[in-house]
Amino acid sequence: MITRGILLDTNNTVIFGGDGRIAMGDITEQNQRLLLSINKGEIKEAPLKGVGISNFLEEGNPQRLIAEIRGEFRREGLTIESLRIKDSNIEISAHY
């Protein structure tokens, strides 16, 4: 699995280096963040991709969210080492 690509900041804006070139680097955590935030249907080429975490915020069922995260990460090729949800914090350790 390719883990190097174009880097985005937390607002999903392309990062540029000091030389004006597009920043490249390890995109594993970035991909995880994007998978969590995007809703199914947002990516035309992959309409079933995404957890859509905002849909779970008021649901109060962390087990359903955990199952969705595990399934989506598995389909992406990510192996989850640990996954913890406490209050409104999600801690995930995963790799390709």
PDB file of N, CA and C in Angstrom:
ATOM      1  N   MET A   1       0.841  -1.179   0.000  1.00  0.00           N
ATOM      2  CA  MET A   1       0.000   0.000   0.000  1.00  0.00           C
ATOM      3  C   MET A   1       0.885   1.241   0.000  1.00  0.00           C
ATOM      4  N   ILE A   2       0.550   2.193  -0.809  1.00  0.00           N
ATOM      5  CA  ILE A   2       1.296   3.450  -0.885  1.00  0.00           C
ATOM      6  C   ILE A   2       0.965   4.296   0.342  1.00  0.00           C
ATOM      7  N   THR A   3       1.987   4.707   1.068  1.00  0.00           N
ATOM      8  CA  THR A   3       1.765   5.544   2.245  1.00  0.00           C
ATOM      9  C   THR A   3       2.415   6.912   2.097  1.00  0.00           C
ATOM     10  N   ARG A   4       2.879   7.211   0.917  1.00  0.00           N
ATOM     11  CA  ARG A   4       3.494   8.522   0.667  1.00  0.00           C
ATOM     12  C   ARG A   4       2.649   9.241  -0.361  1.00  0.00           C
ATOM     13  N   GLY A   5       2.381  10.524  -0.088  1.00  0.00           N
ATOM     14  CA  GLY A   5       1.577  11.286  -1.015  1.00  0.00           C
ATOM     15  C   GLY A   5       1.569  12.758  -0.653  1.00  0.00           C
ATOM     16  N   ILE A   6       0.638  13.491  -1.216  1.00  0.00           N
ATOM     17  CA  ILE A   6       0.501  14.929  -0.981  1.00  0.00           C
ATOM     18  C   ILE A   6      -0.061  15.151   0.414  1.00  0.00           C
ATOM     19  N   LEU A   7       0.599  16.024   1.177  1.00  0.00           N
ATOM     20  CA  LEU A   7       0.177  16.308   2.543  1.00  0.00           C
ATOM     21  C   LEU A   7      -0.870  17.419   2.591  1.00  0.00           C
ATOM     22  N   LEU A   8      -1.843  17.231   3.470  1.00  0.00           N
ATOM     23  CA  LEU A   8      -2.896  18.215   3.709  1.00  0.00           C
ATOM     24  C   LEU A   8      -2.818  18.666   5.154  1.00  0.00           C
ATOM     25  N   ASP A   9      -3.232  19.915   5.417  1.00  0.00           N
ATOM     26  CA  ASP A   9      -3.300  20.357   6.806  1.00  0.00           C
ATOM     27  C   ASP A   9      -4.631  19.899   7.409  1.00  0.00           C
ATOM     28  N   THR A  10      -4.924  20.312   8.639  1.00  0.00           N
ATOM     29  CA  THR A  10      -6.144  19.855   9.309  1.00  0.00           C
ATOM     30  C   THR A  10      -7.413  20.404   8.677  1.00  0.00           C
ATOM     31  N   ASN A  11      -7.276  21.392   7.803  1.00  0.00           N
ATOM     32  CA  ASN A  11      -8.429  21.929   7.061  1.00  0.00           C
ATOM     33  C   ASN A  11      -8.517  21.312   5.665  1.00  0.00           C
ATOM     34  N   ASN A  12      -7.710  20.286   5.420  1.00  0.00           N
ATOM     35  CA  ASN A  12      -7.649  19.581   4.134  1.00  0.00           C
ATOM     36  C   ASN A  12      -7.197  20.475   2.985  1.00  0.00           C
ATOM     37  N   THR A  13      -6.311  21.396   3.308  1.00  0.00           N
ATOM     38  CA  THR A  13      -5.703  22.272   2.316  1.00  0.00           C
ATOM     39  C   THR A  13      -4.291  21.758   2.026  1.00  0.00           C
ATOM     40  N   VAL A  14      -3.905  21.774   0.770  1.00  0.00           N
ATOM     41  CA  VAL A  14      -2.576  21.295   0.382  1.00  0.00           C
ATOM     42  C   VAL A  14      -1.506  22.122   1.086  1.00  0.00           C
ATOM     43  N   ILE A  15      -0.498  21.425   1.611  1.00  0.00           N
ATOM     44  CA  ILE A  15       0.628  22.079   2.288  1.00  0.00           C
ATOM     45  C   ILE A  15       1.735  22.310   1.271  1.00  0.00           C
ATOM     46  N   PHE A  16       2.294  23.512   1.297  1.00  0.00           N
ATOM     47  CA  PHE A  16       3.430  23.852   0.438  1.00  0.00           C
ATOM     48  C   PHE A  16       4.662  24.040   1.304  1.00  0.00           C
ATOM     49  N   GLY A  17       5.805  23.561   0.810  1.00  0.00           N
ATOM     50  CA  GLY A  17       7.066  23.724   1.510  1.00  0.00           C
ATOM     51  C   GLY A  17       7.610  25.129   1.319  1.00  0.00           C
ATOM     52  N   GLY A  18       8.726  25.414   1.971  1.00  0.00           N
ATOM     53  CA  GLY A  18       9.362  26.721   1.871  1.00  0.00           C
ATOM     54  C   GLY A  18       9.812  27.064   0.470  1.00  0.00           C
ATOM     55  N   ASP A  19      10.015  26.041  -0.357  1.00  0.00           N
ATOM     56  CA  ASP A  19      10.455  26.257  -1.732  1.00  0.00           C
ATOM     57  C   ASP A  19       9.275  26.423  -2.692  1.00  0.00           C
ATOM     58  N   GLY A  20       8.039  26.429  -2.152  1.00  0.00           N
ATOM     59  CA  GLY A  20       6.856  26.596  -2.988  1.00  0.00           C
ATOM     60  C   GLY A  20       6.341  25.314  -3.613  1.00  0.00           C
ATOM     61  N   ARG A  21       7.018  24.217  -3.353  1.00  0.00           N
ATOM     62  CA  ARG A  21       6.585  22.928  -3.884  1.00  0.00           C
ATOM     63  C   ARG A  21       5.558  22.290  -2.956  1.00  0.00           C
ATOM     64  N   ILE A  22       4.728  21.450  -3.525  1.00  0.00           N
ATOM     65  CA  ILE A  22       3.748  20.721  -2.736  1.00  0.00           C
ATOM     66  C   ILE A  22       4.485  19.764  -1.815  1.00  0.00           C
ATOM     67  N   ALA A  23       4.106  19.779  -0.520  1.00  0.00           N
ATOM     68  CA  ALA A  23       4.752  18.922   0.470  1.00  0.00           C
ATOM     69  C   ALA A  23       4.302  17.478   0.300  1.00  0.00           C
ATOM     70  N   MET A  24       5.266  16.580   0.377  1.00  0.00           N
ATOM     71  CA  MET A  24       5.011  15.146   0.258  1.00  0.00           C
ATOM     72  C   MET A  24       5.441  14.483   1.564  1.00  0.00           C
ATOM     73  N   GLY A  25       4.780  13.386   1.904  1.00  0.00           N
ATOM     74  CA  GLY A  25       5.167  12.671   3.114  1.00  0.00           C
ATOM     75  C   GLY A  25       4.238  11.505   3.384  1.00  0.00           C
ATOM     76  N   ASP A  26       4.349  10.945   4.580  1.00  0.00           N
ATOM     77  CA  ASP A  26       3.534   9.802   4.995  1.00  0.00           C
ATOM     78  C   ASP A  26       2.089  10.270   5.206  1.00  0.00           C
ATOM     79  N   ILE A  27       1.166   9.660   4.495  1.00  0.00           N
ATOM     80  CA  ILE A  27      -0.241  10.084   4.535  1.00  0.00           C
ATOM     81  C   ILE A  27      -1.139   9.125   5.319  1.00  0.00           C
ATOM     82  N   THR A  28      -0.536   8.223   6.093  1.00  0.00           N
ATOM     83  CA  THR A  28      -1.329   7.240   6.833  1.00  0.00           C
ATOM     84  C   THR A  28      -2.319   7.913   7.779  1.00  0.00           C
ATOM     85  N   GLU A  29      -1.848   8.791   8.658  1.00  0.00           N
ATOM     86  CA  GLU A  29      -2.745   9.466   9.612  1.00  0.00           C
ATOM     87  C   GLU A  29      -3.735  10.374   8.892  1.00  0.00           C
ATOM     88  N   GLN A  30      -3.280  11.026   7.856  1.00  0.00           N
ATOM     89  CA  GLN A  30      -4.144  11.891   7.061  1.00  0.00           C
ATOM     90  C   GLN A  30      -5.291  11.083   6.458  1.00  0.00           C
ATOM     91  N   ASN A  31      -4.987   9.924   5.901  1.00  0.00           N
ATOM     92  CA  ASN A  31      -6.025   9.069   5.327  1.00  0.00           C
ATOM     93  C   ASN A  31      -7.015   8.618   6.386  1.00  0.00           C
ATOM     94  N   GLN A  32      -6.519   8.298   7.573  1.00  0.00           N
ATOM     95  CA  GLN A  32      -7.405   7.894   8.664  1.00  0.00           C
ATOM     96  C   GLN A  32      -8.364   9.023   9.021  1.00  0.00           C
ATOM     97  N   ARG A  33      -7.839  10.227   9.139  1.00  0.00           N
ATOM     98  CA  ARG A  33      -8.661  11.401   9.461  1.00  0.00           C
ATOM     99  C   ARG A  33      -9.727  11.622   8.397  1.00  0.00           C
ATOM    100  N   LEU A  34      -9.335  11.508   7.132  1.00  0.00           N
ATOM    101  CA  LEU A  34     -10.295  11.700   6.045  1.00  0.00           C
ATOM    102  C   LEU A  34     -11.367  10.613   6.040  1.00  0.00           C
ATOM    103  N   LEU A  35     -10.954   9.360   6.255  1.00  0.00           N
ATOM    104  CA  LEU A  35     -11.930   8.267   6.295  1.00  0.00           C
ATOM    105  C   LEU A  35     -12.967   8.493   7.395  1.00  0.00           C
ATOM    106  N   LEU A  36     -12.515   8.992   8.535  1.00  0.00           N
ATOM    107  CA  LEU A  36     -13.444   9.250   9.633  1.00  0.00           C
ATOM    108  C   LEU A  36     -14.423  10.365   9.293  1.00  0.00           C
ATOM    109  N   SER A  37     -13.960  11.400   8.640  1.00  0.00           N
ATOM    110  CA  SER A  37     -14.792  12.591   8.449  1.00  0.00           C
ATOM    111  C   SER A  37     -15.723  12.543   7.237  1.00  0.00           C
ATOM    112  N   ILE A  38     -15.329  11.882   6.167  1.00  0.00           N
ATOM    113  CA  ILE A  38     -16.175  11.917   4.969  1.00  0.00           C
ATOM    114  C   ILE A  38     -17.391  11.004   5.119  1.00  0.00           C
ATOM    115  N   ASN A  39     -18.474  11.429   4.516  1.00  0.00           N
ATOM    116  CA  ASN A  39     -19.710  10.660   4.509  1.00  0.00           C
ATOM    117  C   ASN A  39     -19.777   9.809   3.255  1.00  0.00           C
ATOM    118  N   LYS A  40     -20.450   8.704   3.368  1.00  0.00           N
ATOM    119  CA  LYS A  40     -20.673   7.869   2.195  1.00  0.00           C
ATOM    120  C   LYS A  40     -21.380   8.717   1.138  1.00  0.00           C
ATOM    121  N   GLY A  41     -20.941   8.582  -0.096  1.00  0.00           N
ATOM    122  CA  GLY A  41     -21.509   9.358  -1.189  1.00  0.00           C
ATOM    123  C   GLY A  41     -20.732  10.611  -1.545  1.00  0.00           C
ATOM    124  N   GLU A  42     -19.804  11.028  -0.706  1.00  0.00           N
ATOM    125  CA  GLU A  42     -19.029  12.247  -0.978  1.00  0.00           C
ATOM    126  C   GLU A  42     -17.954  12.048  -2.036  1.00  0.00           C
ATOM    127  N   ILE A  43     -17.466  10.830  -2.199  1.00  0.00           N
ATOM    128  CA  ILE A  43     -16.432  10.551  -3.194  1.00  0.00           C
ATOM    129  C   ILE A  43     -17.108   9.847  -4.363  1.00  0.00           C
ATOM    130  N   LYS A  44     -17.167  10.545  -5.472  1.00  0.00           N
ATOM    131  CA  LYS A  44     -17.873  10.031  -6.646  1.00  0.00           C
ATOM    132  C   LYS A  44     -17.354   8.666  -7.081  1.00  0.00           C
ATOM    133  N   GLU A  45     -16.039   8.497  -7.069  1.00  0.00           N
ATOM    134  CA  GLU A  45     -15.431   7.266  -7.544  1.00  0.00           C
ATOM    135  C   GLU A  45     -15.577   6.112  -6.551  1.00  0.00           C
ATOM    136  N   ALA A  46     -15.895   6.418  -5.300  1.00  0.00           N
ATOM    137  CA  ALA A  46     -16.035   5.389  -4.256  1.00  0.00           C
ATOM    138  C   ALA A  46     -17.186   5.795  -3.332  1.00  0.00           C
ATOM    139  N   PRO A  47     -18.414   5.703  -3.800  1.00  0.00           N
ATOM    140  CA  PRO A  47     -19.556   6.230  -3.046  1.00  0.00           C
ATOM    141  C   PRO A  47     -19.822   5.543  -1.709  1.00  0.00           C
ATOM    142  N   LEU A  48     -19.268   4.370  -1.470  1.00  0.00           N
ATOM    143  CA  LEU A  48     -19.497   3.682  -0.198  1.00  0.00           C
ATOM    144  C   LEU A  48     -18.368   3.910   0.804  1.00  0.00           C
ATOM    145  N   LYS A  49     -17.387   4.729   0.444  1.00  0.00           N
ATOM    146  CA  LYS A  49     -16.228   4.995   1.306  1.00  0.00           C
ATOM    147  C   LYS A  49     -16.541   6.096   2.314  1.00  0.00           C
ATOM    148  N   GLY A  50     -16.106   5.881   3.547  1.00  0.00           N
ATOM    149  CA  GLY A  50     -16.218   6.904   4.585  1.00  0.00           C
ATOM    150  C   GLY A  50     -17.041   6.444   5.770  1.00  0.00           C
ATOM    151  N   VAL A  51     -16.637   6.920   6.954  1.00  0.00           N
ATOM    152  CA  VAL A  51     -17.340   6.606   8.195  1.00  0.00           C
ATOM    153  C   VAL A  51     -18.470   7.599   8.428  1.00  0.00           C
ATOM    154  N   GLY A  52     -18.235   8.880   8.126  1.00  0.00           N
ATOM    155  CA  GLY A  52     -19.243   9.900   8.400  1.00  0.00           C
ATOM    156  C   GLY A  52     -19.460  10.082   9.887  1.00  0.00           C
ATOM    157  N   ILE A  53     -18.374  10.371  10.594  1.00  0.00           N
ATOM    158  CA  ILE A  53     -18.414  10.418  12.052  1.00  0.00           C
ATOM    159  C   ILE A  53     -19.433  11.425  12.586  1.00  0.00           C
ATOM    160  N   SER A  54     -19.702  12.473  11.832  1.00  0.00           N
ATOM    161  CA  SER A  54     -20.674  13.475  12.294  1.00  0.00           C
ATOM    162  C   SER A  54     -22.065  12.864  12.464  1.00  0.00           C
ATOM    163  N   ASN A  55     -22.343  11.798  11.742  1.00  0.00           N
ATOM    164  CA  ASN A  55     -23.640  11.130  11.861  1.00  0.00           C
ATOM    165  C   ASN A  55     -23.786  10.366  13.174  1.00  0.00           C
ATOM    166  N   PHE A  56     -22.678  10.109  13.847  1.00  0.00           N
ATOM    167  CA  PHE A  56     -22.694   9.329  15.084  1.00  0.00           C
ATOM    168  C   PHE A  56     -22.628  10.206  16.332  1.00  0.00           C
ATOM    169  N   LEU A  57     -22.427  11.513  16.181  1.00  0.00           N
ATOM    170  CA  LEU A  57     -22.172  12.375  17.329  1.00  0.00           C
ATOM    171  C   LEU A  57     -23.273  12.343  18.376  1.00  0.00           C
ATOM    172  N   GLU A  58     -24.496  12.388  17.966  1.00  0.00           N
ATOM    173  CA  GLU A  58     -25.597  12.428  18.928  1.00  0.00           C
ATOM    174  C   GLU A  58     -26.279  11.080  19.104  1.00  0.00           C
ATOM    175  N   GLU A  59     -25.785  10.065  18.432  1.00  0.00           N
ATOM    176  CA  GLU A  59     -26.424   8.751  18.491  1.00  0.00           C
ATOM    177  C   GLU A  59     -26.262   8.074  19.849  1.00  0.00           C
ATOM    178  N   GLY A  60     -25.110   8.262  20.465  1.00  0.00           N
ATOM    179  CA  GLY A  60     -24.870   7.663  21.775  1.00  0.00           C
ATOM    180  C   GLY A  60     -24.637   6.164  21.736  1.00  0.00           C
ATOM    181  N   ASN A  61     -24.251   5.627  20.579  1.00  0.00           N
ATOM    182  CA  ASN A  61     -23.980   4.197  20.453  1.00  0.00           C
ATOM    183  C   ASN A  61     -22.548   3.995  19.963  1.00  0.00           C
ATOM    184  N   PRO A  62     -21.583   4.025  20.887  1.00  0.00           N
ATOM    185  CA  PRO A  62     -20.186   3.915  20.442  1.00  0.00           C
ATOM    186  C   PRO A  62     -19.863   2.574  19.785  1.00  0.00           C
ATOM    187  N   GLN A  63     -20.582   1.511  20.117  1.00  0.00           N
ATOM    188  CA  GLN A  63     -20.299   0.206  19.516  1.00  0.00           C
ATOM    189  C   GLN A  63     -20.574   0.209  18.021  1.00  0.00           C
ATOM    190  N   ARG A  64     -21.621   0.897  17.606  1.00  0.00           N
ATOM    191  CA  ARG A  64     -21.928   0.997  16.175  1.00  0.00           C
ATOM    192  C   ARG A  64     -20.850   1.802  15.457  1.00  0.00           C
ATOM    193  N   LEU A  65     -20.383   2.876  16.101  1.00  0.00           N
ATOM    194  CA  LEU A  65     -19.303   3.686  15.523  1.00  0.00           C
ATOM    195  C   LEU A  65     -18.018   2.866  15.421  1.00  0.00           C
ATOM    196  N   ILE A  66     -17.697   2.124  16.461  1.00  0.00           N
ATOM    197  CA  ILE A  66     -16.497   1.285  16.443  1.00  0.00           C
ATOM    198  C   ILE A  66     -16.577   0.275  15.303  1.00  0.00           C
ATOM    199  N   ALA A  67     -17.716  -0.355  15.144  1.00  0.00           N
ATOM    200  CA  ALA A  67     -17.891  -1.335  14.065  1.00  0.00           C
ATOM    201  C   ALA A  67     -17.722  -0.681  12.697  1.00  0.00           C
ATOM    202  N   GLU A  68     -18.258   0.521  12.533  1.00  0.00           N
ATOM    203  CA  GLU A  68     -18.133   1.237  11.260  1.00  0.00           C
ATOM    204  C   GLU A  68     -16.671   1.597  10.975  1.00  0.00           C
ATOM    205  N   ILE A  69     -15.967   2.066  11.991  1.00  0.00           N
ATOM    206  CA  ILE A  69     -14.549   2.418  11.834  1.00  0.00           C
ATOM    207  C   ILE A  69     -13.742   1.172  11.466  1.00  0.00           C
ATOM    208  N   ARG A  70     -13.946   0.100  12.200  1.00  0.00           N
ATOM    209  CA  ARG A  70     -13.207  -1.146  11.925  1.00  0.00           C
ATOM    210  C   ARG A  70     -13.452  -1.632  10.500  1.00  0.00           C
ATOM    211  N   GLY A  71     -14.702  -1.628  10.069  1.00  0.00           N
ATOM    212  CA  GLY A  71     -15.019  -2.084   8.719  1.00  0.00           C
ATOM    213  C   GLY A  71     -14.414  -1.197   7.645  1.00  0.00           C
ATOM    214  N   GLU A  72     -14.525   0.107   7.825  1.00  0.00           N
ATOM    215  CA  GLU A  72     -13.999   1.040   6.825  1.00  0.00           C
ATOM    216  C   GLU A  72     -12.476   0.983   6.747  1.00  0.00           C
ATOM    217  N   PHE A  73     -11.807   0.918   7.898  1.00  0.00           N
ATOM    218  CA  PHE A  73     -10.349   0.829   7.898  1.00  0.00           C
ATOM    219  C   PHE A  73      -9.897  -0.479   7.267  1.00  0.00           C
ATOM    220  N   ARG A  74     -10.586  -1.577   7.545  1.00  0.00           N
ATOM    221  CA  ARG A  74     -10.233  -2.871   6.963  1.00  0.00           C
ATOM    222  C   ARG A  74     -10.348  -2.810   5.436  1.00  0.00           C
ATOM    223  N   ARG A  75     -11.445  -2.211   4.936  1.00  0.00           N
ATOM    224  CA  ARG A  75     -11.627  -2.093   3.482  1.00  0.00           C
ATOM    225  C   ARG A  75     -10.543  -1.212   2.859  1.00  0.00           C
ATOM    226  N   GLU A  76     -10.035  -0.269   3.615  1.00  0.00           N
ATOM    227  CA  GLU A  76      -8.977   0.615   3.134  1.00  0.00           C
ATOM    228  C   GLU A  76      -7.610  -0.077   3.165  1.00  0.00           C
ATOM    229  N   GLY A  77      -7.526  -1.202   3.851  1.00  0.00           N
ATOM    230  CA  GLY A  77      -6.253  -1.906   3.962  1.00  0.00           C
ATOM    231  C   GLY A  77      -5.486  -1.571   5.218  1.00  0.00           C
ATOM    232  N   LEU A  78      -6.136  -0.900   6.160  1.00  0.00           N
ATOM    233  CA  LEU A  78      -5.501  -0.526   7.415  1.00  0.00           C
ATOM    234  C   LEU A  78      -5.730  -1.604   8.469  1.00  0.00           C
ATOM    235  N   THR A  79      -4.704  -1.874   9.254  1.00  0.00           N
ATOM    236  CA  THR A  79      -4.799  -2.793  10.382  1.00  0.00           C
ATOM    237  C   THR A  79      -4.866  -1.958  11.649  1.00  0.00           C
ATOM    238  N   ILE A  80      -5.903  -2.148  12.431  1.00  0.00           N
ATOM    239  CA  ILE A  80      -6.075  -1.397  13.673  1.00  0.00           C
ATOM    240  C   ILE A  80      -5.382  -2.132  14.800  1.00  0.00           C
ATOM    241  N   GLU A  81      -4.444  -1.464  15.446  1.00  0.00           N
ATOM    242  CA  GLU A  81      -3.760  -2.011  16.621  1.00  0.00           C
ATOM    243  C   GLU A  81      -4.586  -1.740  17.873  1.00  0.00           C
ATOM    244  N   SER A  82      -5.133  -0.521  17.963  1.00  0.00           N
ATOM    245  CA  SER A  82      -5.990  -0.172  19.099  1.00  0.00           C
ATOM    246  C   SER A  82      -6.987   0.893  18.656  1.00  0.00           C
ATOM    247  N   LEU A  83      -8.164   0.837  19.268  1.00  0.00           N
ATOM    248  CA  LEU A  83      -9.237   1.786  18.966  1.00  0.00           C
ATOM    249  C   LEU A  83      -9.980   2.040  20.259  1.00  0.00           C
ATOM    250  N   ARG A  84     -10.019   3.291  20.662  1.00  0.00           N
ATOM    251  CA  ARG A  84     -10.654   3.646  21.936  1.00  0.00           C
ATOM    252  C   ARG A  84     -11.476   4.911  21.757  1.00  0.00           C
ATOM    253  N   ILE A  85     -12.701   4.870  22.259  1.00  0.00           N
ATOM    254  CA  ILE A  85     -13.567   6.049  22.253  1.00  0.00           C
ATOM    255  C   ILE A  85     -13.909   6.357  23.700  1.00  0.00           C
ATOM    256  N   LYS A  86     -13.565   7.558  24.128  1.00  0.00           N
ATOM    257  CA  LYS A  86     -13.870   7.996  25.489  1.00  0.00           C
ATOM    258  C   LYS A  86     -14.366   9.420  25.419  1.00  0.00           C
ATOM    259  N   ASP A  87     -15.571   9.638  25.926  1.00  0.00           N
ATOM    260  CA  ASP A  87     -16.242  10.928  25.828  1.00  0.00           C
ATOM    261  C   ASP A  87     -16.341  11.279  24.339  1.00  0.00           C
ATOM    262  N   SER A  88     -15.752  12.361  23.904  1.00  0.00           N
ATOM    263  CA  SER A  88     -15.803  12.714  22.491  1.00  0.00           C
ATOM    264  C   SER A  88     -14.435  12.590  21.833  1.00  0.00           C
ATOM    265  N   ASN A  89     -13.544  11.824  22.454  1.00  0.00           N
ATOM    266  CA  ASN A  89     -12.214  11.598  21.898  1.00  0.00           C
ATOM    267  C   ASN A  89     -12.102  10.209  21.306  1.00  0.00           C
ATOM    268  N   ILE A  90     -11.487  10.130  20.154  1.00  0.00           N
ATOM    269  CA  ILE A  90     -11.228   8.850  19.512  1.00  0.00           C
ATOM    270  C   ILE A  90      -9.719   8.695  19.383  1.00  0.00           C
ATOM    271  N   GLU A  91      -9.214   7.579  19.887  1.00  0.00           N
ATOM    272  CA  GLU A  91      -7.792   7.270  19.781  1.00  0.00           C
ATOM    273  C   GLU A  91      -7.649   6.024  18.933  1.00  0.00           C
ATOM    274  N   ILE A  92      -6.937   6.153  17.831  1.00  0.00           N
ATOM    275  CA  ILE A  92      -6.753   5.026  16.917  1.00  0.00           C
ATOM    276  C   ILE A  92      -5.264   4.876  16.613  1.00  0.00           C
ATOM    277  N   SER A  93      -4.804   3.653  16.712  1.00  0.00           N
ATOM    278  CA  SER A  93      -3.472   3.318  16.248  1.00  0.00           C
ATOM    279  C   SER A  93      -3.669   2.290  15.134  1.00  0.00           C
ATOM    280  N   ALA A  94      -3.320   2.677  13.910  1.00  0.00           N
ATOM    281  CA  ALA A  94      -3.524   1.799  12.755  1.00  0.00           C
ATOM    282  C   ALA A  94      -2.405   2.021  11.738  1.00  0.00           C
ATOM    283  N   HIS A  95      -2.191   1.019  10.922  1.00  0.00           N
ATOM    284  CA  HIS A  95      -1.156   1.125   9.888  1.00  0.00           C
ATOM    285  C   HIS A  95      -1.558   0.298   8.676  1.00  0.00           C
ATOM    286  N   TYR A  96      -0.916   0.596   7.544  1.00  0.00           N
ATOM    287  CA  TYR A  96      -1.133  -0.174   6.321  1.00  0.00           C
ATOM    288  C   TYR A  96      -0.304  -1.420   6.352  1.00  0.00           C
TER     289      TYR A  96
END
